[in-house]
Amino acid sequence: MEDLCFDSQQAAEKSIKAVFIHRRLTFPFTHDLARLLTVLRQSGFKCPRYLDRVKRLTRFAVETRYPGLAGSVTEKQYRGTVRIAEAVLRWAERQIAKP
């Protein structure tokens, strides 16, 4: 399940970075999703507060990919990561659909 959580993190990260690209904004090369949202907000872009849940996914970018860095992931945690990633993806799709 760790790999699936990594996939959720990647989906959220790529979704946020797609908004940067669509708005012609420069983004930092990081997997820290909270940092990406902070930079986006600092550029004047309004992000809904529910997106702040995305920070929970950052740890899956590295920690869970290497044995011994993190504990096992439960199915409940996995399902939570998918819900967060789906919410971020839907939000990003709405942002990109705007002119």
N, C-alpha and C. Protein backbone atom coordinates (compact mmCIF):
# COMPACT_ATOMS: atom_id res chain seq x y z
N MET A 1 0.81 -1.20 0.00
CA MET A 1 0.00 0.00 0.00
C MET A 1 0.85 1.26 0.00
N GLU A 2 2.10 1.13 0.41
CA GLU A 2 2.98 2.28 0.43
C GLU A 2 3.15 2.87 -0.97
N ASP A 3 3.28 1.98 -1.96
CA ASP A 3 3.42 2.45 -3.34
C ASP A 3 2.18 3.17 -3.81
N LEU A 4 1.02 2.71 -3.39
CA LEU A 4 -0.23 3.36 -3.78
C LEU A 4 -0.35 4.75 -3.14
N CYS A 5 0.15 4.89 -1.92
CA CYS A 5 0.16 6.20 -1.26
C CYS A 5 1.13 7.13 -1.98
N PHE A 6 2.25 6.58 -2.44
CA PHE A 6 3.18 7.37 -3.24
C PHE A 6 2.48 7.87 -4.50
N ASP A 7 1.71 7.01 -5.14
CA ASP A 7 0.97 7.41 -6.34
C ASP A 7 -0.01 8.54 -6.04
N SER A 8 -0.66 8.48 -4.88
CA SER A 8 -1.58 9.56 -4.49
C SER A 8 -0.82 10.87 -4.31
N GLN A 9 0.34 10.79 -3.66
CA GLN A 9 1.15 11.99 -3.47
C GLN A 9 1.56 12.57 -4.81
N GLN A 10 1.98 11.70 -5.71
CA GLN A 10 2.41 12.17 -7.03
C GLN A 10 1.26 12.80 -7.81
N ALA A 11 0.08 12.22 -7.72
CA ALA A 11 -1.09 12.79 -8.40
C ALA A 11 -1.38 14.19 -7.88
N ALA A 12 -1.32 14.36 -6.57
CA ALA A 12 -1.57 15.67 -5.98
C ALA A 12 -0.47 16.66 -6.38
N GLU A 13 0.77 16.22 -6.31
CA GLU A 13 1.89 17.11 -6.67
C GLU A 13 1.80 17.56 -8.12
N LYS A 14 1.56 16.63 -9.00
CA LYS A 14 1.48 16.98 -10.43
C LYS A 14 0.27 17.87 -10.71
N SER A 15 -0.81 17.67 -9.98
CA SER A 15 -2.01 18.51 -10.15
C SER A 15 -1.72 19.95 -9.75
N ILE A 16 -1.07 20.12 -8.61
CA ILE A 16 -0.73 21.47 -8.15
C ILE A 16 0.25 22.13 -9.12
N LYS A 17 1.24 21.39 -9.55
CA LYS A 17 2.22 21.95 -10.48
C LYS A 17 1.59 22.28 -11.83
N ALA A 18 0.57 21.55 -12.22
CA ALA A 18 -0.14 21.86 -13.47
C ALA A 18 -0.81 23.23 -13.37
N VAL A 19 -1.33 23.57 -12.18
CA VAL A 19 -1.93 24.89 -11.98
C VAL A 19 -0.85 25.97 -12.12
N PHE A 20 0.32 25.73 -11.54
CA PHE A 20 1.43 26.67 -11.71
C PHE A 20 1.71 26.89 -13.20
N ILE A 21 1.85 25.81 -13.92
CA ILE A 21 2.19 25.89 -15.34
C ILE A 21 1.10 26.60 -16.12
N HIS A 22 -0.15 26.25 -15.85
CA HIS A 22 -1.27 26.88 -16.56
C HIS A 22 -1.30 28.39 -16.32
N ARG A 23 -0.95 28.81 -15.13
CA ARG A 23 -0.94 30.24 -14.77
C ARG A 23 0.39 30.92 -15.07
N ARG A 24 1.29 30.16 -15.69
CA ARG A 24 2.62 30.66 -16.06
C ARG A 24 3.40 31.17 -14.84
N LEU A 25 3.33 30.41 -13.78
CA LEU A 25 4.04 30.72 -12.55
C LEU A 25 5.19 29.73 -12.38
N THR A 26 6.26 30.16 -11.79
CA THR A 26 7.40 29.29 -11.51
C THR A 26 7.17 28.59 -10.19
N PHE A 27 7.41 27.29 -10.15
CA PHE A 27 7.24 26.54 -8.91
C PHE A 27 8.58 26.01 -8.43
N PRO A 28 8.72 25.85 -7.12
CA PRO A 28 9.96 25.28 -6.59
C PRO A 28 10.03 23.79 -6.87
N PHE A 29 11.23 23.29 -7.06
CA PHE A 29 11.41 21.86 -7.29
C PHE A 29 11.43 21.17 -5.92
N THR A 30 10.25 20.78 -5.50
CA THR A 30 10.07 20.16 -4.19
C THR A 30 8.92 19.17 -4.24
N HIS A 31 8.94 18.24 -3.31
CA HIS A 31 7.82 17.32 -3.14
C HIS A 31 6.94 17.76 -1.97
N ASP A 32 7.32 18.86 -1.32
CA ASP A 32 6.59 19.37 -0.16
C ASP A 32 5.32 20.08 -0.64
N LEU A 33 4.20 19.40 -0.49
CA LEU A 33 2.95 19.91 -1.04
C LEU A 33 2.45 21.15 -0.32
N ALA A 34 2.67 21.23 0.98
CA ALA A 34 2.29 22.44 1.71
C ALA A 34 3.10 23.64 1.20
N ARG A 35 4.35 23.42 0.93
CA ARG A 35 5.21 24.49 0.39
C ARG A 35 4.71 24.95 -0.97
N LEU A 36 4.32 24.02 -1.81
CA LEU A 36 3.80 24.39 -3.12
C LEU A 36 2.55 25.27 -3.00
N LEU A 37 1.65 24.90 -2.09
CA LEU A 37 0.45 25.71 -1.89
C LEU A 37 0.80 27.09 -1.33
N THR A 38 1.78 27.14 -0.44
CA THR A 38 2.21 28.42 0.12
C THR A 38 2.73 29.34 -0.98
N VAL A 39 3.57 28.82 -1.84
CA VAL A 39 4.11 29.62 -2.94
C VAL A 39 2.99 30.06 -3.88
N LEU A 40 2.06 29.19 -4.14
CA LEU A 40 0.93 29.53 -5.00
C LEU A 40 0.12 30.67 -4.38
N ARG A 41 -0.15 30.57 -3.09
CA ARG A 41 -0.89 31.63 -2.38
C ARG A 41 -0.10 32.93 -2.35
N GLN A 42 1.20 32.85 -2.16
CA GLN A 42 2.04 34.05 -2.12
C GLN A 42 2.05 34.77 -3.46
N SER A 43 1.77 34.05 -4.52
CA SER A 43 1.71 34.68 -5.84
C SER A 43 0.36 35.37 -6.07
N GLY A 44 -0.52 35.30 -5.06
CA GLY A 44 -1.82 35.94 -5.17
C GLY A 44 -2.95 35.01 -5.56
N PHE A 45 -2.63 33.74 -5.72
CA PHE A 45 -3.63 32.76 -6.12
C PHE A 45 -4.40 32.29 -4.88
N LYS A 46 -5.71 32.25 -4.99
CA LYS A 46 -6.54 31.81 -3.86
C LYS A 46 -6.75 30.31 -3.93
N CYS A 47 -6.36 29.64 -2.86
CA CYS A 47 -6.53 28.20 -2.74
C CYS A 47 -7.47 27.94 -1.57
N PRO A 48 -8.49 27.11 -1.78
CA PRO A 48 -9.40 26.81 -0.67
C PRO A 48 -8.68 26.10 0.47
N ARG A 49 -9.15 26.33 1.67
CA ARG A 49 -8.51 25.76 2.88
C ARG A 49 -8.51 24.24 2.89
N TYR A 50 -9.51 23.62 2.26
CA TYR A 50 -9.54 22.15 2.30
C TYR A 50 -8.31 21.55 1.62
N LEU A 51 -7.65 22.32 0.77
CA LEU A 51 -6.44 21.81 0.12
C LEU A 51 -5.29 21.63 1.10
N ASP A 52 -5.38 22.27 2.26
CA ASP A 52 -4.30 22.14 3.25
C ASP A 52 -4.13 20.71 3.73
N ARG A 53 -5.14 19.88 3.55
CA ARG A 53 -5.01 18.46 3.92
C ARG A 53 -3.93 17.76 3.11
N VAL A 54 -3.57 18.35 1.99
CA VAL A 54 -2.58 17.74 1.09
C VAL A 54 -1.23 17.57 1.78
N LYS A 55 -0.96 18.37 2.81
CA LYS A 55 0.34 18.24 3.50
C LYS A 55 0.53 16.85 4.09
N ARG A 56 -0.56 16.15 4.34
CA ARG A 56 -0.46 14.77 4.87
C ARG A 56 0.19 13.81 3.87
N LEU A 57 0.16 14.18 2.61
CA LEU A 57 0.69 13.29 1.57
C LEU A 57 2.19 13.44 1.35
N THR A 58 2.76 14.54 1.79
CA THR A 58 4.17 14.81 1.51
C THR A 58 5.07 13.67 1.95
N ARG A 59 4.79 13.10 3.11
CA ARG A 59 5.66 12.03 3.62
C ARG A 59 5.73 10.82 2.69
N PHE A 60 4.72 10.63 1.86
CA PHE A 60 4.71 9.48 0.97
C PHE A 60 5.60 9.67 -0.26
N ALA A 61 6.13 10.88 -0.43
CA ALA A 61 7.02 11.13 -1.56
C ALA A 61 8.36 10.43 -1.38
N VAL A 62 8.80 10.28 -0.14
CA VAL A 62 10.11 9.69 0.11
C VAL A 62 10.07 8.62 1.20
N GLU A 63 9.59 8.99 2.38
CA GLU A 63 9.67 8.11 3.56
C GLU A 63 9.23 6.68 3.33
N THR A 64 8.05 6.52 2.75
CA THR A 64 7.49 5.17 2.62
C THR A 64 8.11 4.38 1.48
N ARG A 65 8.96 5.01 0.70
CA ARG A 65 9.57 4.31 -0.43
C ARG A 65 10.85 3.58 -0.05
N TYR A 66 11.34 3.85 1.16
CA TYR A 66 12.59 3.23 1.59
C TYR A 66 12.37 2.46 2.88
N PRO A 67 12.72 1.19 2.90
CA PRO A 67 12.51 0.37 4.09
C PRO A 67 13.17 0.99 5.33
N GLY A 68 12.44 0.96 6.43
CA GLY A 68 12.98 1.42 7.69
C GLY A 68 12.77 2.89 8.00
N LEU A 69 12.35 3.68 7.01
CA LEU A 69 12.13 5.11 7.26
C LEU A 69 10.75 5.39 7.86
N ALA A 70 9.80 4.54 7.60
CA ALA A 70 8.44 4.76 8.09
C ALA A 70 7.79 3.41 8.37
N GLY A 71 6.76 3.44 9.18
CA GLY A 71 6.01 2.22 9.46
C GLY A 71 5.11 1.85 8.29
N SER A 72 4.43 0.74 8.45
CA SER A 72 3.51 0.28 7.41
C SER A 72 2.33 1.24 7.29
N VAL A 73 1.76 1.25 6.12
CA VAL A 73 0.59 2.07 5.84
C VAL A 73 -0.65 1.20 5.98
N THR A 74 -1.65 1.70 6.67
CA THR A 74 -2.89 0.96 6.83
C THR A 74 -3.81 1.23 5.64
N GLU A 75 -4.80 0.38 5.51
CA GLU A 75 -5.76 0.59 4.43
C GLU A 75 -6.53 1.89 4.64
N LYS A 76 -6.81 2.22 5.88
CA LYS A 76 -7.51 3.49 6.19
C LYS A 76 -6.66 4.68 5.73
N GLN A 77 -5.36 4.64 6.02
CA GLN A 77 -4.48 5.72 5.58
C GLN A 77 -4.45 5.80 4.05
N TYR A 78 -4.36 4.65 3.42
CA TYR A 78 -4.34 4.61 1.96
C TYR A 78 -5.60 5.24 1.39
N ARG A 79 -6.75 4.85 1.88
CA ARG A 79 -8.01 5.40 1.37
C ARG A 79 -8.07 6.91 1.60
N GLY A 80 -7.54 7.36 2.71
CA GLY A 80 -7.49 8.80 2.99
C GLY A 80 -6.62 9.54 1.99
N THR A 81 -5.49 8.94 1.63
CA THR A 81 -4.61 9.59 0.65
C THR A 81 -5.30 9.70 -0.71
N VAL A 82 -6.04 8.69 -1.06
CA VAL A 82 -6.74 8.71 -2.35
C VAL A 82 -7.80 9.81 -2.35
N ARG A 83 -8.55 9.94 -1.26
CA ARG A 83 -9.58 11.00 -1.18
C ARG A 83 -8.96 12.39 -1.31
N ILE A 84 -7.84 12.59 -0.63
CA ILE A 84 -7.18 13.89 -0.70
C ILE A 84 -6.69 14.15 -2.13
N ALA A 85 -6.02 13.17 -2.72
CA ALA A 85 -5.50 13.34 -4.08
C ALA A 85 -6.62 13.61 -5.08
N GLU A 86 -7.74 12.92 -4.93
CA GLU A 86 -8.87 13.15 -5.83
C GLU A 86 -9.42 14.56 -5.69
N ALA A 87 -9.48 15.07 -4.46
CA ALA A 87 -9.97 16.44 -4.22
C ALA A 87 -9.03 17.46 -4.86
N VAL A 88 -7.73 17.23 -4.74
CA VAL A 88 -6.75 18.14 -5.33
C VAL A 88 -6.85 18.10 -6.85
N LEU A 89 -6.99 16.91 -7.40
CA LEU A 89 -7.11 16.76 -8.85
C LEU A 89 -8.35 17.49 -9.37
N ARG A 90 -9.49 17.31 -8.71
CA ARG A 90 -10.72 18.00 -9.14
C ARG A 90 -10.55 19.51 -9.08
N TRP A 91 -9.93 20.00 -8.00
CA TRP A 91 -9.68 21.43 -7.86
C TRP A 91 -8.79 21.92 -9.01
N ALA A 92 -7.70 21.21 -9.27
CA ALA A 92 -6.78 21.62 -10.32
C ALA A 92 -7.45 21.62 -11.69
N GLU A 93 -8.28 20.64 -11.95
CA GLU A 93 -9.00 20.60 -13.23
C GLU A 93 -9.89 21.83 -13.39
N ARG A 94 -10.53 22.25 -12.30
CA ARG A 94 -11.37 23.47 -12.36
C ARG A 94 -10.52 24.71 -12.62
N GLN A 95 -9.35 24.77 -12.03
CA GLN A 95 -8.48 25.93 -12.22
C GLN A 95 -7.96 26.01 -13.66
N ILE A 96 -7.65 24.87 -14.21
CA ILE A 96 -7.12 24.83 -15.57
C ILE A 96 -8.21 25.11 -16.60
N ALA A 97 -9.44 24.81 -16.26
CA ALA A 97 -10.56 25.06 -17.18
C ALA A 97 -10.88 26.55 -17.28
N LYS A 98 -10.41 27.34 -16.28
CA LYS A 98 -10.65 28.78 -16.30
C LYS A 98 -9.67 29.45 -17.25
N PRO A 99 -10.14 30.51 -17.93
CA PRO A 99 -9.22 31.22 -18.85
C PRO A 99 -8.11 31.94 -18.10
